[in-house]
Amino acid sequence: MGYTVKIIPYESKYRDDMLFCYLSAKDVLGRYAPEDKYRKPVLKEDLLDIEKNYLKRGDIFYLAIDERDRVVGMIGTQIISESELWLKRLFIKPEQKSKGVGSKLLAKVEEFAAKQGITIIHTRFANWYYEAAAFYRAKDFVKAQSPEDYLCYMIKELK
C-alpha cells in the first residue's frame, strides 16, 4: 500500500499542526544555510493568520493531510495580476519528502490557476534549497534572473 495524502483547503483546526510542519521543514533546510543568520527557523507572520493573509485576499492555501489526520505539507498563493501568481510557503515535513506530496500540492495550485486564467507562476527560494531547485525543474519551471544573490527565482508558463 502506498503513501496517501489528501489535499484540502486550509482549515483553522489544523493551524498549530501546520505551523509545526513549517518549522520542521525550515529547521532541516537551515542546516544547509551558508550563514548562521539563516540556520534557525523563523515563523513568518503571514502564517499566523491564513484567513487574512491568503483567503480574504482571493488567494488559496492548501494543506496536505495524511491518514493520521496530520499536516505533512502546505502551499499558498499570492495573485499579483490577472495572469500571474506567486507560490508561497511550499513546505513538506522532512520525513514525508519524495512521496509525491509536493507534486500533489503544486497540481492543486495549477488547477486553481487555470480556473482563474492565470498563465504564469513565479517562485523563489534560498539558493541552498537544492531539493526545491530539482523539484521545480522537474515541474517545468525555468530559472530567471534573481534580484538577490542568495535567491533562486523560477517561473513556469501554464499551457
N, C-alpha and C. Protein backbone atom coordinates (compact mmCIF):
# COMPACT_ATOMS: atom_id res chain seq x y z
N MET A 1 0.85 -1.19 0.00
CA MET A 1 0.00 0.00 0.00
C MET A 1 0.88 1.24 0.00
N GLY A 2 0.55 2.24 -0.84
CA GLY A 2 1.33 3.46 -0.97
C GLY A 2 0.98 4.49 0.08
N TYR A 3 1.72 5.56 0.05
CA TYR A 3 1.52 6.67 0.97
C TYR A 3 0.34 7.50 0.46
N THR A 4 -0.62 7.78 1.32
CA THR A 4 -1.82 8.50 0.92
C THR A 4 -1.93 9.83 1.65
N VAL A 5 -2.16 10.88 0.87
CA VAL A 5 -2.46 12.19 1.46
C VAL A 5 -3.65 12.76 0.71
N LYS A 6 -4.39 13.58 1.41
CA LYS A 6 -5.45 14.33 0.74
C LYS A 6 -5.06 15.81 0.80
N ILE A 7 -5.39 16.51 -0.26
CA ILE A 7 -5.11 17.95 -0.35
C ILE A 7 -6.43 18.67 -0.10
N ILE A 8 -6.42 19.53 0.92
CA ILE A 8 -7.64 20.24 1.30
C ILE A 8 -7.37 21.73 1.41
N PRO A 9 -8.41 22.55 1.23
CA PRO A 9 -8.25 23.97 1.54
C PRO A 9 -7.96 24.12 3.04
N TYR A 10 -7.24 25.18 3.38
CA TYR A 10 -6.88 25.43 4.76
C TYR A 10 -8.10 25.40 5.68
N GLU A 11 -7.95 24.75 6.82
CA GLU A 11 -8.95 24.76 7.89
C GLU A 11 -8.23 25.15 9.17
N SER A 12 -8.83 26.06 9.92
CA SER A 12 -8.18 26.59 11.13
C SER A 12 -7.88 25.52 12.17
N LYS A 13 -8.62 24.41 12.15
CA LYS A 13 -8.35 23.36 13.14
C LYS A 13 -6.95 22.75 12.95
N TYR A 14 -6.34 22.96 11.79
CA TYR A 14 -5.01 22.44 11.52
C TYR A 14 -3.90 23.47 11.73
N ARG A 15 -4.24 24.65 12.22
CA ARG A 15 -3.27 25.75 12.33
C ARG A 15 -2.00 25.35 13.06
N ASP A 16 -2.11 24.84 14.27
CA ASP A 16 -0.92 24.51 15.05
C ASP A 16 -0.09 23.42 14.38
N ASP A 17 -0.74 22.42 13.83
CA ASP A 17 -0.04 21.35 13.16
C ASP A 17 0.66 21.87 11.90
N MET A 18 0.02 22.80 11.19
CA MET A 18 0.63 23.42 10.02
C MET A 18 1.89 24.18 10.41
N LEU A 19 1.82 24.92 11.51
CA LEU A 19 2.99 25.68 11.96
C LEU A 19 4.12 24.72 12.35
N PHE A 20 3.78 23.60 12.98
CA PHE A 20 4.79 22.60 13.32
C PHE A 20 5.44 22.04 12.05
N CYS A 21 4.64 21.74 11.05
CA CYS A 21 5.14 21.24 9.78
C CYS A 21 6.11 22.24 9.16
N TYR A 22 5.72 23.49 9.14
CA TYR A 22 6.56 24.56 8.57
C TYR A 22 7.89 24.67 9.31
N LEU A 23 7.83 24.73 10.64
CA LEU A 23 9.06 24.89 11.43
C LEU A 23 9.96 23.66 11.30
N SER A 24 9.38 22.48 11.20
CA SER A 24 10.17 21.26 11.00
C SER A 24 10.91 21.31 9.66
N ALA A 25 10.20 21.72 8.63
CA ALA A 25 10.82 21.81 7.31
C ALA A 25 11.91 22.88 7.29
N LYS A 26 11.64 24.03 7.87
CA LYS A 26 12.63 25.11 7.90
C LYS A 26 13.85 24.73 8.72
N ASP A 27 13.66 23.98 9.79
CA ASP A 27 14.78 23.55 10.62
C ASP A 27 15.76 22.71 9.80
N VAL A 28 15.25 21.78 9.04
CA VAL A 28 16.12 20.93 8.21
C VAL A 28 16.80 21.76 7.13
N LEU A 29 16.05 22.65 6.49
CA LEU A 29 16.64 23.48 5.44
C LEU A 29 17.74 24.38 6.00
N GLY A 30 17.57 24.83 7.23
CA GLY A 30 18.56 25.70 7.85
C GLY A 30 19.91 25.03 8.04
N ARG A 31 19.93 23.73 8.08
CA ARG A 31 21.20 23.01 8.25
C ARG A 31 22.14 23.21 7.07
N TYR A 32 21.57 23.56 5.92
CA TYR A 32 22.37 23.76 4.71
C TYR A 32 22.72 25.22 4.46
N ALA A 33 22.22 26.10 5.30
CA ALA A 33 22.43 27.54 5.11
C ALA A 33 23.91 27.90 5.26
N PRO A 34 24.38 28.83 4.44
CA PRO A 34 25.79 29.20 4.48
C PRO A 34 26.16 30.13 5.64
N GLU A 35 25.15 30.75 6.25
CA GLU A 35 25.41 31.70 7.33
C GLU A 35 24.49 31.40 8.51
N ASP A 36 24.99 31.68 9.71
CA ASP A 36 24.22 31.43 10.93
C ASP A 36 22.86 32.11 10.92
N LYS A 37 22.77 33.31 10.36
CA LYS A 37 21.51 34.06 10.40
C LYS A 37 20.37 33.34 9.67
N TYR A 38 20.70 32.38 8.81
CA TYR A 38 19.67 31.65 8.07
C TYR A 38 19.41 30.25 8.65
N ARG A 39 20.14 29.86 9.68
CA ARG A 39 20.06 28.48 10.17
C ARG A 39 18.89 28.21 11.10
N LYS A 40 18.47 29.18 11.86
CA LYS A 40 17.39 28.97 12.81
C LYS A 40 16.04 29.24 12.14
N PRO A 41 15.07 28.32 12.28
CA PRO A 41 13.77 28.56 11.65
C PRO A 41 13.07 29.77 12.29
N VAL A 42 12.48 30.58 11.44
CA VAL A 42 11.76 31.77 11.89
C VAL A 42 10.34 31.67 11.37
N LEU A 43 9.40 31.88 12.24
CA LEU A 43 8.00 31.82 11.85
C LEU A 43 7.62 33.10 11.09
N LYS A 44 7.10 32.94 9.91
CA LYS A 44 6.70 34.09 9.08
C LYS A 44 5.29 34.53 9.47
N GLU A 45 5.12 35.84 9.56
CA GLU A 45 3.87 36.41 10.09
C GLU A 45 2.64 36.04 9.27
N ASP A 46 2.78 35.87 7.95
CA ASP A 46 1.61 35.53 7.13
C ASP A 46 0.98 34.20 7.55
N LEU A 47 1.78 33.31 8.12
CA LEU A 47 1.26 32.01 8.53
C LEU A 47 0.43 32.06 9.81
N LEU A 48 0.53 33.13 10.54
CA LEU A 48 -0.22 33.26 11.79
C LEU A 48 -1.70 33.54 11.55
N ASP A 49 -2.04 34.05 10.37
CA ASP A 49 -3.44 34.35 10.05
C ASP A 49 -3.68 34.06 8.56
N ILE A 50 -3.91 32.80 8.25
CA ILE A 50 -4.11 32.37 6.86
C ILE A 50 -5.35 33.02 6.26
N GLU A 51 -6.42 33.12 7.05
CA GLU A 51 -7.65 33.72 6.52
C GLU A 51 -7.38 35.14 6.03
N LYS A 52 -6.74 35.95 6.83
CA LYS A 52 -6.48 37.35 6.48
C LYS A 52 -5.46 37.48 5.35
N ASN A 53 -4.37 36.73 5.44
CA ASN A 53 -3.25 36.91 4.53
C ASN A 53 -3.37 36.14 3.22
N TYR A 54 -4.31 35.24 3.13
CA TYR A 54 -4.50 34.47 1.90
C TYR A 54 -5.96 34.46 1.45
N LEU A 55 -6.82 33.85 2.24
CA LEU A 55 -8.18 33.57 1.79
C LEU A 55 -9.00 34.82 1.53
N LYS A 56 -8.94 35.80 2.41
CA LYS A 56 -9.73 37.02 2.23
C LYS A 56 -9.21 37.90 1.09
N ARG A 57 -8.02 37.61 0.62
CA ARG A 57 -7.42 38.35 -0.49
C ARG A 57 -7.71 37.70 -1.84
N GLY A 58 -8.40 36.54 -1.82
CA GLY A 58 -8.69 35.82 -3.05
C GLY A 58 -7.63 34.79 -3.41
N ASP A 59 -6.67 34.63 -2.55
CA ASP A 59 -5.64 33.62 -2.75
C ASP A 59 -6.10 32.31 -2.12
N ILE A 60 -5.28 31.28 -2.28
CA ILE A 60 -5.61 29.99 -1.70
C ILE A 60 -4.46 29.50 -0.84
N PHE A 61 -4.78 28.59 0.04
CA PHE A 61 -3.78 27.94 0.88
C PHE A 61 -4.26 26.51 1.09
N TYR A 62 -3.47 25.55 0.61
CA TYR A 62 -3.83 24.15 0.72
C TYR A 62 -2.94 23.44 1.74
N LEU A 63 -3.51 22.43 2.35
CA LEU A 63 -2.77 21.57 3.28
C LEU A 63 -2.79 20.15 2.75
N ALA A 64 -1.69 19.45 2.97
CA ALA A 64 -1.62 18.02 2.69
C ALA A 64 -1.80 17.31 4.02
N ILE A 65 -2.83 16.47 4.10
CA ILE A 65 -3.19 15.78 5.34
C ILE A 65 -2.98 14.28 5.13
N ASP A 66 -2.26 13.65 6.05
CA ASP A 66 -2.01 12.21 5.92
C ASP A 66 -3.12 11.39 6.56
N GLU A 67 -2.96 10.08 6.52
CA GLU A 67 -4.00 9.18 7.03
C GLU A 67 -4.17 9.27 8.55
N ARG A 68 -3.20 9.88 9.24
CA ARG A 68 -3.33 10.08 10.69
C ARG A 68 -3.94 11.45 11.02
N ASP A 69 -4.41 12.16 9.98
CA ASP A 69 -5.01 13.49 10.12
C ASP A 69 -3.98 14.52 10.58
N ARG A 70 -2.74 14.37 10.09
CA ARG A 70 -1.66 15.30 10.42
C ARG A 70 -1.25 16.07 9.17
N VAL A 71 -0.86 17.32 9.35
CA VAL A 71 -0.38 18.15 8.25
C VAL A 71 1.04 17.70 7.88
N VAL A 72 1.21 17.34 6.62
CA VAL A 72 2.53 16.93 6.15
C VAL A 72 3.06 17.84 5.04
N GLY A 73 2.25 18.83 4.65
CA GLY A 73 2.69 19.77 3.63
C GLY A 73 1.72 20.92 3.50
N MET A 74 2.18 21.97 2.81
CA MET A 74 1.36 23.17 2.63
C MET A 74 1.81 23.93 1.40
N ILE A 75 0.91 24.75 0.87
CA ILE A 75 1.25 25.66 -0.22
C ILE A 75 0.21 26.77 -0.26
N GLY A 76 0.66 27.96 -0.57
CA GLY A 76 -0.24 29.10 -0.72
C GLY A 76 0.09 29.86 -1.99
N THR A 77 -0.77 30.82 -2.31
CA THR A 77 -0.53 31.65 -3.49
C THR A 77 -0.68 33.12 -3.13
N GLN A 78 -0.10 33.94 -3.99
CA GLN A 78 -0.31 35.37 -3.94
C GLN A 78 -0.52 35.82 -5.39
N ILE A 79 -1.76 36.13 -5.72
CA ILE A 79 -2.07 36.59 -7.07
C ILE A 79 -1.55 38.02 -7.20
N ILE A 80 -0.78 38.28 -8.28
CA ILE A 80 -0.21 39.62 -8.46
C ILE A 80 -0.78 40.35 -9.68
N SER A 81 -1.46 39.63 -10.56
CA SER A 81 -2.13 40.26 -11.70
C SER A 81 -3.18 39.28 -12.22
N GLU A 82 -3.89 39.68 -13.26
CA GLU A 82 -4.91 38.79 -13.82
C GLU A 82 -4.31 37.51 -14.38
N SER A 83 -3.02 37.54 -14.70
CA SER A 83 -2.41 36.37 -15.34
C SER A 83 -1.22 35.77 -14.59
N GLU A 84 -0.91 36.30 -13.39
CA GLU A 84 0.28 35.82 -12.68
C GLU A 84 0.03 35.63 -11.19
N LEU A 85 0.74 34.63 -10.63
CA LEU A 85 0.72 34.44 -9.19
C LEU A 85 2.08 33.96 -8.71
N TRP A 86 2.29 34.14 -7.42
CA TRP A 86 3.48 33.65 -6.74
C TRP A 86 3.10 32.45 -5.90
N LEU A 87 3.97 31.47 -5.86
CA LEU A 87 3.83 30.38 -4.90
C LEU A 87 4.41 30.85 -3.58
N LYS A 88 3.73 30.54 -2.52
CA LYS A 88 4.18 30.91 -1.18
C LYS A 88 4.13 29.67 -0.29
N ARG A 89 5.15 29.50 0.50
CA ARG A 89 5.16 28.53 1.60
C ARG A 89 4.92 27.08 1.18
N LEU A 90 5.57 26.66 0.09
CA LEU A 90 5.53 25.23 -0.24
C LEU A 90 6.55 24.53 0.64
N PHE A 91 6.06 23.83 1.62
CA PHE A 91 6.92 23.10 2.55
C PHE A 91 6.33 21.72 2.81
N ILE A 92 7.22 20.75 2.92
CA ILE A 92 6.84 19.37 3.21
C ILE A 92 7.59 18.95 4.46
N LYS A 93 6.90 18.23 5.34
CA LYS A 93 7.58 17.68 6.52
C LYS A 93 8.76 16.84 6.04
N PRO A 94 9.91 16.99 6.67
CA PRO A 94 11.11 16.31 6.18
C PRO A 94 10.94 14.80 5.99
N GLU A 95 10.28 14.14 6.90
CA GLU A 95 10.14 12.68 6.78
C GLU A 95 9.13 12.26 5.71
N GLN A 96 8.44 13.22 5.10
CA GLN A 96 7.45 12.90 4.07
C GLN A 96 7.90 13.33 2.67
N LYS A 97 9.14 13.79 2.54
CA LYS A 97 9.65 14.21 1.23
C LYS A 97 9.80 13.00 0.32
N SER A 98 9.75 13.26 -0.96
CA SER A 98 9.93 12.23 -2.01
C SER A 98 8.80 11.20 -2.00
N LYS A 99 7.63 11.61 -1.56
CA LYS A 99 6.46 10.72 -1.56
C LYS A 99 5.31 11.28 -2.41
N GLY A 100 5.61 12.35 -3.19
CA GLY A 100 4.61 12.92 -4.07
C GLY A 100 3.76 14.02 -3.46
N VAL A 101 4.03 14.40 -2.22
CA VAL A 101 3.21 15.41 -1.55
C VAL A 101 3.34 16.76 -2.25
N GLY A 102 4.57 17.18 -2.54
CA GLY A 102 4.78 18.46 -3.22
C GLY A 102 4.13 18.49 -4.59
N SER A 103 4.21 17.39 -5.31
CA SER A 103 3.59 17.30 -6.64
C SER A 103 2.08 17.47 -6.55
N LYS A 104 1.47 16.84 -5.55
CA LYS A 104 0.02 16.96 -5.38
C LYS A 104 -0.39 18.38 -5.01
N LEU A 105 0.39 19.02 -4.14
CA LEU A 105 0.09 20.40 -3.76
C LEU A 105 0.24 21.34 -4.96
N LEU A 106 1.32 21.20 -5.71
CA LEU A 106 1.52 22.05 -6.87
C LEU A 106 0.43 21.83 -7.91
N ALA A 107 0.02 20.58 -8.13
CA ALA A 107 -1.04 20.30 -9.09
C ALA A 107 -2.34 21.00 -8.70
N LYS A 108 -2.62 21.05 -7.42
CA LYS A 108 -3.83 21.73 -6.93
C LYS A 108 -3.75 23.23 -7.22
N VAL A 109 -2.58 23.82 -7.02
CA VAL A 109 -2.41 25.24 -7.33
C VAL A 109 -2.54 25.49 -8.83
N GLU A 110 -1.96 24.62 -9.63
CA GLU A 110 -2.06 24.79 -11.08
C GLU A 110 -3.51 24.67 -11.55
N GLU A 111 -4.26 23.80 -10.94
CA GLU A 111 -5.69 23.67 -11.25
C GLU A 111 -6.41 24.97 -10.90
N PHE A 112 -6.13 25.51 -9.72
CA PHE A 112 -6.70 26.80 -9.30
C PHE A 112 -6.31 27.90 -10.29
N ALA A 113 -5.03 27.96 -10.65
CA ALA A 113 -4.54 28.99 -11.56
C ALA A 113 -5.25 28.93 -12.91
N ALA A 114 -5.40 27.74 -13.44
CA ALA A 114 -6.06 27.58 -14.74
C ALA A 114 -7.50 28.09 -14.69
N LYS A 115 -8.20 27.81 -13.61
CA LYS A 115 -9.59 28.29 -13.47
C LYS A 115 -9.65 29.80 -13.37
N GLN A 116 -8.58 30.42 -12.87
CA GLN A 116 -8.54 31.88 -12.73
C GLN A 116 -8.01 32.57 -13.99
N GLY A 117 -7.57 31.81 -14.97
CA GLY A 117 -6.99 32.39 -16.18
C GLY A 117 -5.53 32.80 -15.99
N ILE A 118 -4.90 32.29 -14.96
CA ILE A 118 -3.50 32.63 -14.69
C ILE A 118 -2.61 31.75 -15.56
N THR A 119 -1.61 32.38 -16.18
CA THR A 119 -0.74 31.65 -17.10
C THR A 119 0.73 31.61 -16.65
N ILE A 120 1.10 32.42 -15.67
CA ILE A 120 2.49 32.46 -15.20
C ILE A 120 2.52 32.24 -13.68
N ILE A 121 3.36 31.30 -13.26
CA ILE A 121 3.57 31.05 -11.83
C ILE A 121 5.02 31.37 -11.50
N HIS A 122 5.21 32.18 -10.49
CA HIS A 122 6.54 32.56 -10.02
C HIS A 122 6.84 31.86 -8.70
N THR A 123 8.11 31.59 -8.47
CA THR A 123 8.54 31.11 -7.16
C THR A 123 9.96 31.57 -6.92
N ARG A 124 10.32 31.64 -5.65
CA ARG A 124 11.71 31.92 -5.30
C ARG A 124 12.00 31.26 -3.96
N PHE A 125 13.26 30.95 -3.78
CA PHE A 125 13.69 30.25 -2.58
C PHE A 125 15.19 30.46 -2.44
N ALA A 126 15.69 30.20 -1.25
CA ALA A 126 17.12 30.34 -1.00
C ALA A 126 17.91 29.39 -1.89
N ASN A 127 19.03 29.86 -2.40
CA ASN A 127 19.77 29.04 -3.37
C ASN A 127 20.41 27.79 -2.76
N TRP A 128 20.37 27.63 -1.47
CA TRP A 128 20.85 26.38 -0.86
C TRP A 128 19.72 25.36 -0.66
N TYR A 129 18.52 25.67 -1.14
CA TYR A 129 17.41 24.71 -1.12
C TYR A 129 17.51 23.86 -2.39
N TYR A 130 18.50 22.98 -2.43
CA TYR A 130 18.78 22.20 -3.63
C TYR A 130 17.61 21.30 -4.03
N GLU A 131 16.93 20.75 -3.05
CA GLU A 131 15.78 19.89 -3.36
C GLU A 131 14.68 20.69 -4.06
N ALA A 132 14.48 21.93 -3.62
CA ALA A 132 13.47 22.78 -4.26
C ALA A 132 13.84 23.04 -5.71
N ALA A 133 15.10 23.35 -5.97
CA ALA A 133 15.53 23.60 -7.35
C ALA A 133 15.27 22.39 -8.23
N ALA A 134 15.61 21.21 -7.74
CA ALA A 134 15.39 19.98 -8.52
C ALA A 134 13.89 19.73 -8.73
N PHE A 135 13.10 19.94 -7.69
CA PHE A 135 11.65 19.74 -7.78
C PHE A 135 11.05 20.66 -8.85
N TYR A 136 11.36 21.96 -8.77
CA TYR A 136 10.76 22.90 -9.72
C TYR A 136 11.23 22.64 -11.15
N ARG A 137 12.50 22.30 -11.33
CA ARG A 137 12.97 21.97 -12.68
C ARG A 137 12.18 20.78 -13.23
N ALA A 138 11.93 19.78 -12.39
CA ALA A 138 11.17 18.60 -12.82
C ALA A 138 9.72 18.95 -13.16
N LYS A 139 9.24 20.07 -12.63
CA LYS A 139 7.86 20.51 -12.87
C LYS A 139 7.78 21.61 -13.93
N ASP A 140 8.82 21.72 -14.75
CA ASP A 140 8.87 22.63 -15.90
C ASP A 140 9.03 24.11 -15.54
N PHE A 141 9.53 24.40 -14.37
CA PHE A 141 9.90 25.78 -14.04
C PHE A 141 11.28 26.03 -14.64
N VAL A 142 11.51 27.26 -15.07
CA VAL A 142 12.82 27.64 -15.60
C VAL A 142 13.39 28.78 -14.77
N LYS A 143 14.70 28.78 -14.67
CA LYS A 143 15.39 29.79 -13.88
C LYS A 143 15.30 31.14 -14.58
N ALA A 144 15.06 32.16 -13.80
CA ALA A 144 15.00 33.53 -14.31
C ALA A 144 16.02 34.37 -13.52
N GLN A 145 16.20 35.59 -13.93
CA GLN A 145 17.15 36.46 -13.25
C GLN A 145 16.66 36.78 -11.85
N SER A 146 17.49 36.52 -10.86
CA SER A 146 17.12 36.76 -9.47
C SER A 146 17.57 38.16 -9.03
N PRO A 147 16.69 38.87 -8.32
CA PRO A 147 17.05 40.22 -7.87
C PRO A 147 18.03 40.21 -6.69
N GLU A 148 18.21 39.08 -6.05
CA GLU A 148 19.11 38.99 -4.91
C GLU A 148 20.00 37.76 -5.06
N ASP A 149 21.26 37.91 -4.68
CA ASP A 149 22.25 36.85 -4.89
C ASP A 149 21.90 35.53 -4.21
N TYR A 150 21.30 35.57 -3.04
CA TYR A 150 21.07 34.33 -2.31
C TYR A 150 19.74 33.66 -2.68
N LEU A 151 18.99 34.23 -3.61
CA LEU A 151 17.71 33.66 -4.01
C LEU A 151 17.78 33.03 -5.40
N CYS A 152 17.05 31.95 -5.54
CA CYS A 152 16.83 31.35 -6.85
C CYS A 152 15.39 31.71 -7.24
N TYR A 153 15.24 32.31 -8.41
CA TYR A 153 13.94 32.76 -8.90
C TYR A 153 13.60 31.92 -10.14
N MET A 154 12.40 31.32 -10.15
CA MET A 154 11.99 30.49 -11.28
C MET A 154 10.55 30.83 -11.67
N ILE A 155 10.24 30.57 -12.93
CA ILE A 155 8.87 30.79 -13.41
C ILE A 155 8.43 29.59 -14.25
N LYS A 156 7.12 29.46 -14.34
CA LYS A 156 6.51 28.43 -15.16
C LYS A 156 5.36 29.05 -15.94
N GLU A 157 5.33 28.75 -17.24
CA GLU A 157 4.21 29.17 -18.07
C GLU A 157 3.25 27.99 -18.19
N LEU A 158 2.01 28.22 -17.79
CA LEU A 158 1.00 27.17 -17.93
C LEU A 158 0.51 27.12 -19.36
N LYS A 159 0.23 25.94 -19.82
CA LYS A 159 -0.22 25.77 -21.21
C LYS A 159 -1.72 25.81 -21.28
